[in-house]
Amino acid sequence: MKVLGVSGSPRKDKSTDRLVQEVLDAVGVEAEFVSLAGKRIGACIACLGCVKDNVCKVKDDMEHLRDKIVEADAYVIGAANYFSMLNGLSHCFLERFYQFRHREGKAVAGKLGIAVGVGGSTGDRVVENIKTFFQYNQVECVGAVSAQGAASCFTCGFGETCTVGAIHMFFGPGTKITPEIIPDLSKQPGKLEEARAIGRKLGERLRGFAAAT
């Protein structure tokens, strides 16, 4: 059995990547992690080129991920909260699952999934977005975890003075950026354990499938 973990955050090695990896580390079966950071993945263009064979005809980096998606028995999909919804790169990646939905295509249907969300305040809305994609593709969501990550406002250079950014929004005007206020997964041990627990749950389900076959 194999699990494919995908982080759709464009910020490599940040909280979304790390939380997805926490889940993967606990599954106890073969797992692969893929970051979409730096990859070129466009939105579905509704060309219907995939209708006959369930293979997307758009030529970009999604083409190279298709085999990994098909071969996996389960998915751990993570995304970042941008404007109270999952970020665009993650959305484009999940839109392109449309290629698996035609002519009773079963390339992903019936598999298992875990939704991972990270946001400046919460990743809950992202989790719900991912669950919706799972539902459309008949992927059973066996668990979800969301956590707080550091908005780019903490490192952009103008976070303390910007009146429309995360620092002003979450902490109020005049706030100084200090290590103590910067969100980090290491400060959320409960979320880390939650991620590991659902990873173990996913591993148990997969091992059960393997034993049954």
N, C-alpha and C. Protein backbone atom coordinates (compact mmCIF):
# COMPACT_ATOMS: atom_id res chain seq x y z
N MET A 1 0.85 -1.19 0.00
CA MET A 1 0.00 0.00 0.00
C MET A 1 0.89 1.24 0.00
N LYS A 2 0.41 2.30 -0.66
CA LYS A 2 1.23 3.50 -0.79
C LYS A 2 0.37 4.74 -0.59
N VAL A 3 0.94 5.71 0.12
CA VAL A 3 0.26 6.98 0.38
C VAL A 3 1.03 8.10 -0.33
N LEU A 4 0.30 8.96 -1.02
CA LEU A 4 0.89 10.13 -1.66
C LEU A 4 0.49 11.36 -0.86
N GLY A 5 1.50 12.07 -0.35
CA GLY A 5 1.26 13.32 0.36
C GLY A 5 1.61 14.48 -0.55
N VAL A 6 0.72 15.44 -0.65
CA VAL A 6 0.93 16.60 -1.52
C VAL A 6 0.67 17.87 -0.73
N SER A 7 1.66 18.75 -0.71
CA SER A 7 1.48 20.08 -0.14
C SER A 7 1.34 21.07 -1.27
N GLY A 8 0.20 21.76 -1.31
CA GLY A 8 -0.04 22.73 -2.36
C GLY A 8 0.41 24.13 -2.04
N SER A 9 1.09 24.30 -0.91
CA SER A 9 1.57 25.64 -0.57
C SER A 9 2.70 26.05 -1.50
N PRO A 10 2.71 27.29 -1.98
CA PRO A 10 3.82 27.77 -2.79
C PRO A 10 5.06 28.11 -1.97
N ARG A 11 4.95 28.01 -0.65
CA ARG A 11 6.08 28.31 0.25
C ARG A 11 6.67 27.00 0.73
N LYS A 12 7.80 26.65 0.17
CA LYS A 12 8.43 25.36 0.44
C LYS A 12 8.97 25.31 1.87
N ASP A 13 8.82 24.12 2.48
CA ASP A 13 9.37 23.84 3.81
C ASP A 13 8.73 24.69 4.92
N LYS A 14 7.53 25.14 4.69
CA LYS A 14 6.82 25.89 5.71
C LYS A 14 5.78 24.98 6.38
N SER A 15 4.83 25.59 7.07
CA SER A 15 3.93 24.82 7.94
C SER A 15 3.08 23.79 7.21
N THR A 16 2.61 24.12 5.99
CA THR A 16 1.78 23.15 5.27
C THR A 16 2.58 21.91 4.93
N ASP A 17 3.79 22.10 4.41
CA ASP A 17 4.67 20.96 4.11
C ASP A 17 4.88 20.13 5.37
N ARG A 18 5.18 20.79 6.46
CA ARG A 18 5.54 20.08 7.69
C ARG A 18 4.37 19.29 8.26
N LEU A 19 3.17 19.88 8.18
CA LEU A 19 2.01 19.19 8.75
C LEU A 19 1.64 17.97 7.91
N VAL A 20 1.74 18.09 6.59
CA VAL A 20 1.52 16.92 5.72
C VAL A 20 2.53 15.84 6.05
N GLN A 21 3.79 16.22 6.24
CA GLN A 21 4.83 15.24 6.53
C GLN A 21 4.64 14.57 7.89
N GLU A 22 4.09 15.31 8.85
CA GLU A 22 3.79 14.70 10.16
C GLU A 22 2.79 13.56 10.00
N VAL A 23 1.78 13.77 9.16
CA VAL A 23 0.80 12.71 8.91
C VAL A 23 1.48 11.53 8.23
N LEU A 24 2.27 11.80 7.20
CA LEU A 24 2.93 10.73 6.44
C LEU A 24 3.87 9.92 7.33
N ASP A 25 4.56 10.58 8.23
CA ASP A 25 5.53 9.88 9.08
C ASP A 25 4.86 8.86 9.99
N ALA A 26 3.56 9.00 10.20
CA ALA A 26 2.86 8.13 11.14
C ALA A 26 2.09 7.00 10.47
N VAL A 27 2.01 6.98 9.13
CA VAL A 27 1.12 5.99 8.50
C VAL A 27 1.67 4.57 8.57
N GLY A 28 2.98 4.41 8.62
CA GLY A 28 3.55 3.08 8.76
C GLY A 28 3.52 2.23 7.51
N VAL A 29 3.23 2.85 6.36
CA VAL A 29 3.32 2.16 5.07
C VAL A 29 4.13 3.06 4.14
N GLU A 30 4.41 2.57 2.94
CA GLU A 30 5.20 3.36 2.00
C GLU A 30 4.51 4.70 1.73
N ALA A 31 5.26 5.77 1.81
CA ALA A 31 4.69 7.10 1.61
C ALA A 31 5.66 7.96 0.81
N GLU A 32 5.11 8.83 0.00
CA GLU A 32 5.91 9.77 -0.79
C GLU A 32 5.35 11.16 -0.60
N PHE A 33 6.25 12.13 -0.42
CA PHE A 33 5.84 13.52 -0.25
C PHE A 33 6.20 14.33 -1.49
N VAL A 34 5.26 15.14 -1.95
CA VAL A 34 5.48 16.02 -3.09
C VAL A 34 5.07 17.44 -2.71
N SER A 35 5.97 18.38 -2.91
CA SER A 35 5.63 19.79 -2.75
C SER A 35 5.32 20.37 -4.12
N LEU A 36 4.26 21.13 -4.21
CA LEU A 36 3.92 21.78 -5.47
C LEU A 36 4.62 23.12 -5.65
N ALA A 37 5.38 23.54 -4.64
CA ALA A 37 6.09 24.81 -4.72
C ALA A 37 7.02 24.82 -5.93
N GLY A 38 6.92 25.84 -6.73
CA GLY A 38 7.76 25.98 -7.91
C GLY A 38 7.26 25.22 -9.13
N LYS A 39 6.21 24.45 -8.97
CA LYS A 39 5.69 23.70 -10.11
C LYS A 39 4.68 24.55 -10.89
N ARG A 40 4.57 24.26 -12.16
CA ARG A 40 3.64 24.98 -13.04
C ARG A 40 2.43 24.08 -13.27
N ILE A 41 1.36 24.39 -12.56
CA ILE A 41 0.11 23.63 -12.67
C ILE A 41 -1.03 24.62 -12.85
N GLY A 42 -1.62 24.60 -14.04
CA GLY A 42 -2.70 25.52 -14.34
C GLY A 42 -4.05 24.93 -13.99
N ALA A 43 -5.05 25.78 -14.09
CA ALA A 43 -6.42 25.36 -13.82
C ALA A 43 -6.94 24.47 -14.95
N CYS A 44 -7.97 23.70 -14.65
CA CYS A 44 -8.69 22.96 -15.68
C CYS A 44 -9.26 23.98 -16.67
N ILE A 45 -9.08 23.75 -17.98
CA ILE A 45 -9.57 24.68 -18.99
C ILE A 45 -10.84 24.17 -19.66
N ALA A 46 -11.42 23.10 -19.13
CA ALA A 46 -12.69 22.57 -19.64
C ALA A 46 -12.65 22.26 -21.13
N CYS A 47 -11.52 21.76 -21.60
CA CYS A 47 -11.38 21.44 -23.02
C CYS A 47 -12.03 20.10 -23.38
N LEU A 48 -12.30 19.28 -22.35
CA LEU A 48 -12.90 17.95 -22.49
C LEU A 48 -12.01 16.97 -23.24
N GLY A 49 -10.72 17.29 -23.33
CA GLY A 49 -9.80 16.36 -23.98
C GLY A 49 -9.60 15.07 -23.22
N CYS A 50 -9.99 15.05 -21.95
CA CYS A 50 -9.79 13.87 -21.11
C CYS A 50 -10.99 12.92 -21.12
N VAL A 51 -12.06 13.30 -21.81
CA VAL A 51 -13.31 12.54 -21.71
C VAL A 51 -13.14 11.08 -22.16
N LYS A 52 -12.44 10.85 -23.25
CA LYS A 52 -12.38 9.51 -23.82
C LYS A 52 -11.46 8.56 -23.05
N ASP A 53 -10.38 9.11 -22.48
CA ASP A 53 -9.39 8.21 -21.87
C ASP A 53 -9.00 8.58 -20.44
N ASN A 54 -9.66 9.59 -19.86
CA ASN A 54 -9.34 10.02 -18.49
C ASN A 54 -7.89 10.46 -18.32
N VAL A 55 -7.33 11.07 -19.36
CA VAL A 55 -5.98 11.60 -19.30
C VAL A 55 -6.02 13.07 -19.72
N CYS A 56 -5.58 13.96 -18.83
CA CYS A 56 -5.58 15.39 -19.12
C CYS A 56 -4.61 15.69 -20.26
N LYS A 57 -5.02 16.58 -21.15
CA LYS A 57 -4.21 16.91 -22.32
C LYS A 57 -3.42 18.21 -22.14
N VAL A 58 -3.61 18.90 -21.03
CA VAL A 58 -2.85 20.11 -20.76
C VAL A 58 -1.41 19.74 -20.41
N LYS A 59 -0.47 20.39 -21.04
CA LYS A 59 0.95 20.06 -20.85
C LYS A 59 1.58 21.00 -19.82
N ASP A 60 1.67 20.52 -18.61
CA ASP A 60 2.39 21.23 -17.57
C ASP A 60 2.84 20.21 -16.54
N ASP A 61 3.22 20.63 -15.34
CA ASP A 61 3.79 19.70 -14.37
C ASP A 61 2.78 18.70 -13.81
N MET A 62 1.50 18.94 -13.99
CA MET A 62 0.50 17.96 -13.55
C MET A 62 0.66 16.65 -14.32
N GLU A 63 1.13 16.76 -15.54
CA GLU A 63 1.34 15.57 -16.37
C GLU A 63 2.29 14.59 -15.70
N HIS A 64 3.29 15.12 -15.00
CA HIS A 64 4.31 14.27 -14.38
C HIS A 64 3.84 13.71 -13.03
N LEU A 65 2.75 14.23 -12.49
CA LEU A 65 2.22 13.74 -11.22
C LEU A 65 1.12 12.70 -11.41
N ARG A 66 0.63 12.55 -12.63
CA ARG A 66 -0.52 11.70 -12.85
C ARG A 66 -0.28 10.26 -12.40
N ASP A 67 0.85 9.70 -12.77
CA ASP A 67 1.14 8.31 -12.40
C ASP A 67 1.18 8.13 -10.89
N LYS A 68 1.75 9.11 -10.19
CA LYS A 68 1.82 9.03 -8.73
C LYS A 68 0.41 9.03 -8.13
N ILE A 69 -0.48 9.85 -8.70
CA ILE A 69 -1.85 9.92 -8.20
C ILE A 69 -2.57 8.60 -8.43
N VAL A 70 -2.41 8.04 -9.60
CA VAL A 70 -3.10 6.80 -9.95
C VAL A 70 -2.58 5.62 -9.13
N GLU A 71 -1.27 5.58 -8.91
CA GLU A 71 -0.66 4.44 -8.23
C GLU A 71 -0.90 4.46 -6.72
N ALA A 72 -1.18 5.62 -6.15
CA ALA A 72 -1.36 5.72 -4.70
C ALA A 72 -2.68 5.09 -4.27
N ASP A 73 -2.68 4.54 -3.06
CA ASP A 73 -3.88 3.98 -2.46
C ASP A 73 -4.60 4.98 -1.56
N ALA A 74 -3.89 6.04 -1.20
CA ALA A 74 -4.48 7.06 -0.34
C ALA A 74 -3.73 8.37 -0.54
N TYR A 75 -4.38 9.45 -0.14
CA TYR A 75 -3.81 10.78 -0.33
C TYR A 75 -3.84 11.57 0.98
N VAL A 76 -2.78 12.34 1.19
CA VAL A 76 -2.77 13.35 2.25
C VAL A 76 -2.56 14.67 1.53
N ILE A 77 -3.61 15.46 1.43
CA ILE A 77 -3.56 16.70 0.66
C ILE A 77 -3.58 17.89 1.61
N GLY A 78 -2.56 18.74 1.50
CA GLY A 78 -2.47 19.93 2.34
C GLY A 78 -2.50 21.19 1.51
N ALA A 79 -3.10 22.23 2.06
CA ALA A 79 -3.17 23.51 1.36
C ALA A 79 -3.13 24.63 2.38
N ALA A 80 -2.83 25.83 1.87
CA ALA A 80 -2.76 27.02 2.72
C ALA A 80 -4.03 27.85 2.55
N ASN A 81 -4.37 28.58 3.59
CA ASN A 81 -5.54 29.45 3.58
C ASN A 81 -5.15 30.80 2.98
N TYR A 82 -5.69 31.09 1.79
CA TYR A 82 -5.53 32.40 1.16
C TYR A 82 -6.91 33.01 1.01
N PHE A 83 -7.15 34.12 1.67
CA PHE A 83 -8.45 34.81 1.57
C PHE A 83 -9.61 33.90 1.95
N SER A 84 -9.41 33.12 3.00
CA SER A 84 -10.45 32.23 3.56
C SER A 84 -10.86 31.12 2.59
N MET A 85 -9.95 30.70 1.74
CA MET A 85 -10.15 29.55 0.87
C MET A 85 -8.79 28.95 0.55
N LEU A 86 -8.77 27.74 0.00
CA LEU A 86 -7.48 27.14 -0.29
C LEU A 86 -6.76 27.92 -1.37
N ASN A 87 -5.45 27.96 -1.30
CA ASN A 87 -4.64 28.77 -2.22
C ASN A 87 -4.78 28.28 -3.66
N GLY A 88 -4.48 29.16 -4.61
CA GLY A 88 -4.72 28.90 -6.02
C GLY A 88 -3.99 27.69 -6.57
N LEU A 89 -2.74 27.48 -6.19
CA LEU A 89 -1.98 26.35 -6.70
C LEU A 89 -2.63 25.04 -6.28
N SER A 90 -3.07 24.96 -5.04
CA SER A 90 -3.77 23.77 -4.57
C SER A 90 -5.08 23.57 -5.32
N HIS A 91 -5.78 24.66 -5.53
CA HIS A 91 -7.07 24.57 -6.24
C HIS A 91 -6.87 24.06 -7.65
N CYS A 92 -5.85 24.59 -8.35
CA CYS A 92 -5.58 24.13 -9.71
C CYS A 92 -5.24 22.64 -9.73
N PHE A 93 -4.41 22.20 -8.79
CA PHE A 93 -4.05 20.79 -8.70
C PHE A 93 -5.30 19.92 -8.54
N LEU A 94 -6.18 20.30 -7.65
CA LEU A 94 -7.36 19.49 -7.39
C LEU A 94 -8.38 19.60 -8.52
N GLU A 95 -8.47 20.76 -9.16
CA GLU A 95 -9.35 20.87 -10.33
C GLU A 95 -8.98 19.86 -11.41
N ARG A 96 -7.70 19.61 -11.53
CA ARG A 96 -7.24 18.75 -12.61
C ARG A 96 -7.56 17.27 -12.37
N PHE A 97 -8.11 16.95 -11.20
CA PHE A 97 -8.63 15.60 -10.97
C PHE A 97 -9.86 15.34 -11.83
N TYR A 98 -10.35 16.37 -12.49
CA TYR A 98 -11.48 16.18 -13.41
C TYR A 98 -11.18 15.11 -14.45
N GLN A 99 -9.91 14.95 -14.77
CA GLN A 99 -9.51 13.95 -15.77
C GLN A 99 -9.84 12.52 -15.34
N PHE A 100 -10.10 12.29 -14.07
CA PHE A 100 -10.36 10.94 -13.59
C PHE A 100 -11.86 10.62 -13.48
N ARG A 101 -12.74 11.54 -13.89
CA ARG A 101 -14.16 11.41 -13.57
C ARG A 101 -15.02 10.89 -14.71
N HIS A 102 -14.44 10.59 -15.87
CA HIS A 102 -15.24 10.28 -17.04
C HIS A 102 -15.41 8.78 -17.28
N ARG A 103 -16.52 8.44 -17.94
CA ARG A 103 -16.74 7.09 -18.43
C ARG A 103 -16.50 6.05 -17.32
N GLU A 104 -17.03 6.36 -16.13
CA GLU A 104 -16.90 5.48 -14.97
C GLU A 104 -15.43 5.22 -14.60
N GLY A 105 -14.62 6.23 -14.83
CA GLY A 105 -13.21 6.10 -14.47
C GLY A 105 -13.03 5.85 -12.99
N LYS A 106 -12.21 4.90 -12.64
CA LYS A 106 -12.03 4.52 -11.24
C LYS A 106 -10.58 4.69 -10.78
N ALA A 107 -9.86 5.60 -11.41
CA ALA A 107 -8.45 5.77 -11.06
C ALA A 107 -8.25 6.27 -9.64
N VAL A 108 -9.18 7.07 -9.12
CA VAL A 108 -9.06 7.58 -7.76
C VAL A 108 -10.27 7.23 -6.90
N ALA A 109 -11.39 6.92 -7.49
CA ALA A 109 -12.59 6.61 -6.73
C ALA A 109 -12.38 5.41 -5.82
N GLY A 110 -12.88 5.52 -4.59
CA GLY A 110 -12.76 4.43 -3.63
C GLY A 110 -11.50 4.47 -2.79
N LYS A 111 -10.62 5.41 -3.07
CA LYS A 111 -9.39 5.52 -2.27
C LYS A 111 -9.65 6.37 -1.03
N LEU A 112 -8.66 6.45 -0.16
CA LEU A 112 -8.79 7.16 1.10
C LEU A 112 -8.04 8.49 1.05
N GLY A 113 -8.49 9.44 1.86
CA GLY A 113 -7.83 10.73 1.87
C GLY A 113 -7.85 11.38 3.24
N ILE A 114 -6.85 12.23 3.47
CA ILE A 114 -6.78 13.07 4.66
C ILE A 114 -6.60 14.51 4.20
N ALA A 115 -7.37 15.42 4.80
CA ALA A 115 -7.30 16.83 4.45
C ALA A 115 -6.49 17.59 5.50
N VAL A 116 -5.55 18.40 5.04
CA VAL A 116 -4.67 19.18 5.91
C VAL A 116 -4.78 20.65 5.53
N GLY A 117 -5.07 21.50 6.50
CA GLY A 117 -5.18 22.92 6.23
C GLY A 117 -4.34 23.75 7.18
N VAL A 118 -3.74 24.81 6.66
CA VAL A 118 -2.94 25.72 7.48
C VAL A 118 -3.33 27.15 7.11
N GLY A 119 -3.52 27.99 8.12
CA GLY A 119 -3.84 29.38 7.87
C GLY A 119 -3.26 30.31 8.91
N GLY A 120 -3.27 31.60 8.60
CA GLY A 120 -2.75 32.58 9.55
C GLY A 120 -3.52 32.58 10.85
N SER A 121 -4.83 32.28 10.77
CA SER A 121 -5.63 32.13 11.97
C SER A 121 -6.05 30.67 12.14
N THR A 122 -6.54 30.07 11.05
CA THR A 122 -6.96 28.67 11.09
C THR A 122 -6.95 28.10 9.69
N GLY A 123 -6.85 26.79 9.59
CA GLY A 123 -6.92 26.12 8.30
C GLY A 123 -8.23 25.39 8.10
N ASP A 124 -9.23 25.67 8.94
CA ASP A 124 -10.48 24.92 8.90
C ASP A 124 -11.21 25.05 7.56
N ARG A 125 -11.24 26.25 7.01
CA ARG A 125 -11.95 26.43 5.74
C ARG A 125 -11.26 25.68 4.61
N VAL A 126 -9.94 25.65 4.66
CA VAL A 126 -9.18 24.89 3.66
C VAL A 126 -9.52 23.40 3.75
N VAL A 127 -9.60 22.90 4.96
CA VAL A 127 -9.96 21.49 5.16
C VAL A 127 -11.31 21.20 4.51
N GLU A 128 -12.27 22.09 4.70
CA GLU A 128 -13.60 21.88 4.11
C GLU A 128 -13.53 21.90 2.59
N ASN A 129 -12.70 22.79 2.02
CA ASN A 129 -12.52 22.82 0.57
C ASN A 129 -11.98 21.50 0.05
N ILE A 130 -10.97 20.97 0.71
CA ILE A 130 -10.37 19.72 0.28
C ILE A 130 -11.35 18.57 0.41
N LYS A 131 -12.12 18.56 1.49
CA LYS A 131 -13.14 17.53 1.67
C LYS A 131 -14.13 17.54 0.52
N THR A 132 -14.48 18.73 0.04
CA THR A 132 -15.41 18.83 -1.08
C THR A 132 -14.83 18.20 -2.33
N PHE A 133 -13.55 18.45 -2.60
CA PHE A 133 -12.89 17.81 -3.74
C PHE A 133 -12.87 16.30 -3.58
N PHE A 134 -12.59 15.83 -2.38
CA PHE A 134 -12.62 14.38 -2.12
C PHE A 134 -14.00 13.82 -2.46
N GLN A 135 -15.03 14.50 -2.00
CA GLN A 135 -16.38 14.01 -2.22
C GLN A 135 -16.70 13.90 -3.71
N TYR A 136 -16.35 14.91 -4.47
CA TYR A 136 -16.60 14.89 -5.91
C TYR A 136 -15.90 13.72 -6.59
N ASN A 137 -14.73 13.35 -6.06
CA ASN A 137 -13.94 12.29 -6.69
C ASN A 137 -14.11 10.94 -6.01
N GLN A 138 -15.10 10.83 -5.11
CA GLN A 138 -15.41 9.59 -4.43
C GLN A 138 -14.21 9.05 -3.64
N VAL A 139 -13.46 9.97 -3.07
CA VAL A 139 -12.36 9.62 -2.16
C VAL A 139 -12.90 9.75 -0.73
N GLU A 140 -12.77 8.71 0.06
CA GLU A 140 -13.27 8.73 1.44
C GLU A 140 -12.32 9.50 2.34
N CYS A 141 -12.80 10.55 2.95
CA CYS A 141 -11.98 11.33 3.88
C CYS A 141 -12.02 10.65 5.25
N VAL A 142 -10.89 10.13 5.68
CA VAL A 142 -10.85 9.41 6.95
C VAL A 142 -10.37 10.28 8.11
N GLY A 143 -10.01 11.53 7.81
CA GLY A 143 -9.57 12.41 8.88
C GLY A 143 -9.09 13.74 8.34
N ALA A 144 -8.93 14.69 9.24
CA ALA A 144 -8.48 16.03 8.85
C ALA A 144 -7.77 16.68 10.02
N VAL A 145 -6.88 17.59 9.69
CA VAL A 145 -6.20 18.36 10.73
C VAL A 145 -5.90 19.75 10.18
N SER A 146 -6.08 20.75 11.01
CA SER A 146 -5.74 22.11 10.61
C SER A 146 -4.92 22.76 11.71
N ALA A 147 -4.08 23.70 11.31
CA ALA A 147 -3.20 24.35 12.27
C ALA A 147 -2.94 25.79 11.84
N GLN A 148 -2.29 26.53 12.72
CA GLN A 148 -1.95 27.91 12.43
C GLN A 148 -0.53 27.99 11.90
N GLY A 149 -0.37 28.75 10.84
CA GLY A 149 0.96 28.97 10.27
C GLY A 149 1.30 30.45 10.27
N ALA A 150 2.54 30.76 9.96
CA ALA A 150 2.99 32.15 9.96
C ALA A 150 2.67 32.80 8.62
N ALA A 151 1.81 33.80 8.62
CA ALA A 151 1.52 34.55 7.40
C ALA A 151 2.80 35.21 6.90
N SER A 152 2.85 35.45 5.61
CA SER A 152 4.05 36.06 5.02
C SER A 152 4.30 37.46 5.57
N CYS A 153 3.28 38.06 6.19
CA CYS A 153 3.43 39.39 6.79
C CYS A 153 4.51 39.42 7.88
N PHE A 154 4.78 38.25 8.47
CA PHE A 154 5.81 38.21 9.51
C PHE A 154 7.20 38.42 8.94
N THR A 155 7.38 38.16 7.66
CA THR A 155 8.73 38.23 7.07
C THR A 155 8.82 39.17 5.88
N CYS A 156 7.74 39.85 5.52
CA CYS A 156 7.76 40.69 4.31
C CYS A 156 8.58 41.96 4.48
N GLY A 157 8.80 42.37 5.74
CA GLY A 157 9.57 43.58 6.00
C GLY A 157 8.71 44.78 6.36
N PHE A 158 7.41 44.68 6.14
CA PHE A 158 6.52 45.80 6.42
C PHE A 158 5.40 45.42 7.39
N GLY A 159 5.51 44.24 7.96
CA GLY A 159 4.43 43.71 8.78
C GLY A 159 4.03 44.58 9.96
N GLU A 160 5.00 45.25 10.57
CA GLU A 160 4.69 46.05 11.76
C GLU A 160 3.94 47.33 11.43
N THR A 161 4.11 47.86 10.23
CA THR A 161 3.50 49.14 9.87
C THR A 161 2.32 49.00 8.93
N CYS A 162 2.17 47.86 8.28
CA CYS A 162 1.08 47.66 7.32
C CYS A 162 -0.25 47.59 8.06
N THR A 163 -1.19 48.42 7.65
CA THR A 163 -2.48 48.48 8.36
C THR A 163 -3.50 47.47 7.84
N VAL A 164 -3.16 46.73 6.79
CA VAL A 164 -4.11 45.75 6.26
C VAL A 164 -3.56 44.32 6.33
N GLY A 165 -2.42 44.14 6.96
CA GLY A 165 -1.78 42.83 7.01
C GLY A 165 -2.18 42.03 8.25
N ALA A 166 -1.58 40.83 8.32
CA ALA A 166 -1.93 39.89 9.39
C ALA A 166 -1.54 40.39 10.78
N ILE A 167 -0.42 41.10 10.89
CA ILE A 167 0.03 41.56 12.22
C ILE A 167 -1.00 42.52 12.80
N HIS A 168 -1.40 43.49 11.99
CA HIS A 168 -2.40 44.47 12.43
C HIS A 168 -3.74 43.77 12.69
N MET A 169 -4.09 42.83 11.84
CA MET A 169 -5.39 42.17 11.94
C MET A 169 -5.49 41.29 13.19
N PHE A 170 -4.43 40.52 13.46
CA PHE A 170 -4.50 39.55 14.55
C PHE A 170 -4.09 40.13 15.91
N PHE A 171 -3.15 41.10 15.89
CA PHE A 171 -2.58 41.57 17.16
C PHE A 171 -2.86 43.04 17.45
N GLY A 172 -3.27 43.79 16.45
CA GLY A 172 -3.56 45.20 16.66
C GLY A 172 -2.43 46.12 16.25
N PRO A 173 -2.73 47.40 16.05
CA PRO A 173 -1.71 48.37 15.64
C PRO A 173 -0.63 48.54 16.69
N GLY A 174 0.58 48.78 16.21
CA GLY A 174 1.71 49.02 17.12
C GLY A 174 2.40 47.76 17.58
N THR A 175 1.95 46.60 17.14
CA THR A 175 2.56 45.33 17.56
C THR A 175 3.94 45.17 16.94
N LYS A 176 4.90 44.78 17.75
CA LYS A 176 6.25 44.48 17.28
C LYS A 176 6.36 42.97 17.04
N ILE A 177 7.00 42.61 15.95
CA ILE A 177 7.18 41.19 15.63
C ILE A 177 8.31 40.62 16.49
N THR A 178 7.96 39.66 17.31
CA THR A 178 8.94 38.98 18.15
C THR A 178 8.79 37.48 17.95
N PRO A 179 9.81 36.71 18.26
CA PRO A 179 9.71 35.25 18.10
C PRO A 179 8.51 34.65 18.84
N GLU A 180 8.12 35.27 19.94
CA GLU A 180 7.06 34.73 20.76
C GLU A 180 5.70 34.76 20.05
N ILE A 181 5.48 35.73 19.16
CA ILE A 181 4.16 35.85 18.54
C ILE A 181 4.09 35.18 17.16
N ILE A 182 5.22 34.72 16.65
CA ILE A 182 5.21 34.10 15.33
C ILE A 182 4.68 32.67 15.44
N PRO A 183 3.59 32.37 14.75
CA PRO A 183 3.04 31.01 14.83
C PRO A 183 4.02 29.98 14.28
N ASP A 184 4.06 28.82 14.92
CA ASP A 184 4.94 27.74 14.50
C ASP A 184 4.34 26.43 14.99
N LEU A 185 4.50 25.40 14.19
CA LEU A 185 3.93 24.10 14.58
C LEU A 185 4.50 23.58 15.89
N SER A 186 5.75 23.93 16.18
CA SER A 186 6.36 23.46 17.42
C SER A 186 5.65 24.01 18.65
N LYS A 187 4.88 25.09 18.47
CA LYS A 187 4.12 25.67 19.57
C LYS A 187 2.71 25.08 19.66
N GLN A 188 2.42 24.11 18.79
CA GLN A 188 1.09 23.51 18.74
C GLN A 188 1.19 21.99 18.87
N PRO A 189 1.69 21.51 20.00
CA PRO A 189 1.90 20.07 20.16
C PRO A 189 0.62 19.26 19.99
N GLY A 190 -0.51 19.84 20.36
CA GLY A 190 -1.77 19.14 20.19
C GLY A 190 -2.09 18.88 18.72
N LYS A 191 -1.76 19.84 17.87
CA LYS A 191 -1.99 19.69 16.44
C LYS A 191 -1.06 18.64 15.84
N LEU A 192 0.17 18.62 16.31
CA LEU A 192 1.12 17.62 15.83
C LEU A 192 0.67 16.21 16.20
N GLU A 193 0.18 16.05 17.40
CA GLU A 193 -0.30 14.73 17.82
C GLU A 193 -1.57 14.35 17.06
N GLU A 194 -2.41 15.34 16.79
CA GLU A 194 -3.61 15.10 15.99
C GLU A 194 -3.22 14.60 14.59
N ALA A 195 -2.20 15.22 14.00
CA ALA A 195 -1.74 14.81 12.68
C ALA A 195 -1.21 13.38 12.71
N ARG A 196 -0.46 13.06 13.75
CA ARG A 196 0.09 11.70 13.85
C ARG A 196 -1.03 10.68 14.08
N ALA A 197 -2.02 11.07 14.86
CA ALA A 197 -3.12 10.14 15.15
C ALA A 197 -3.90 9.80 13.89
N ILE A 198 -4.19 10.78 13.06
CA ILE A 198 -4.93 10.47 11.83
C ILE A 198 -4.04 9.74 10.83
N GLY A 199 -2.72 9.98 10.92
CA GLY A 199 -1.80 9.20 10.08
C GLY A 199 -1.83 7.73 10.47
N ARG A 200 -1.83 7.47 11.77
CA ARG A 200 -1.90 6.08 12.24
C ARG A 200 -3.23 5.45 11.84
N LYS A 201 -4.30 6.23 11.92
CA LYS A 201 -5.63 5.72 11.53
C LYS A 201 -5.63 5.33 10.06
N LEU A 202 -5.04 6.18 9.22
CA LEU A 202 -4.97 5.89 7.79
C LEU A 202 -4.16 4.62 7.54
N GLY A 203 -3.03 4.48 8.23
CA GLY A 203 -2.21 3.29 8.08
C GLY A 203 -2.95 2.02 8.46
N GLU A 204 -3.72 2.11 9.53
CA GLU A 204 -4.51 0.94 9.96
C GLU A 204 -5.54 0.55 8.91
N ARG A 205 -6.20 1.53 8.32
CA ARG A 205 -7.18 1.24 7.28
C ARG A 205 -6.51 0.57 6.08
N LEU A 206 -5.37 1.08 5.69
CA LEU A 206 -4.68 0.53 4.52
C LEU A 206 -4.17 -0.88 4.79
N ARG A 207 -3.64 -1.12 5.98
CA ARG A 207 -3.19 -2.45 6.30
C ARG A 207 -4.36 -3.44 6.36
N GLY A 208 -5.51 -2.95 6.79
CA GLY A 208 -6.70 -3.76 6.78
C GLY A 208 -7.11 -4.16 5.37
N PHE A 209 -7.01 -3.19 4.43
CA PHE A 209 -7.31 -3.48 3.03
C PHE A 209 -6.35 -4.54 2.50
N ALA A 210 -5.06 -4.36 2.82
CA ALA A 210 -4.05 -5.29 2.31
C ALA A 210 -4.29 -6.70 2.84
N ALA A 211 -4.65 -6.80 4.10
CA ALA A 211 -4.88 -8.12 4.70
C ALA A 211 -6.11 -8.79 4.08
N ALA A 212 -7.09 -8.00 3.73
CA ALA A 212 -8.33 -8.54 3.16
C ALA A 212 -8.16 -9.03 1.73
N THR A 213 -7.11 -8.54 1.08
CA THR A 213 -6.90 -8.95 -0.31
C THR A 213 -5.75 -9.94 -0.44
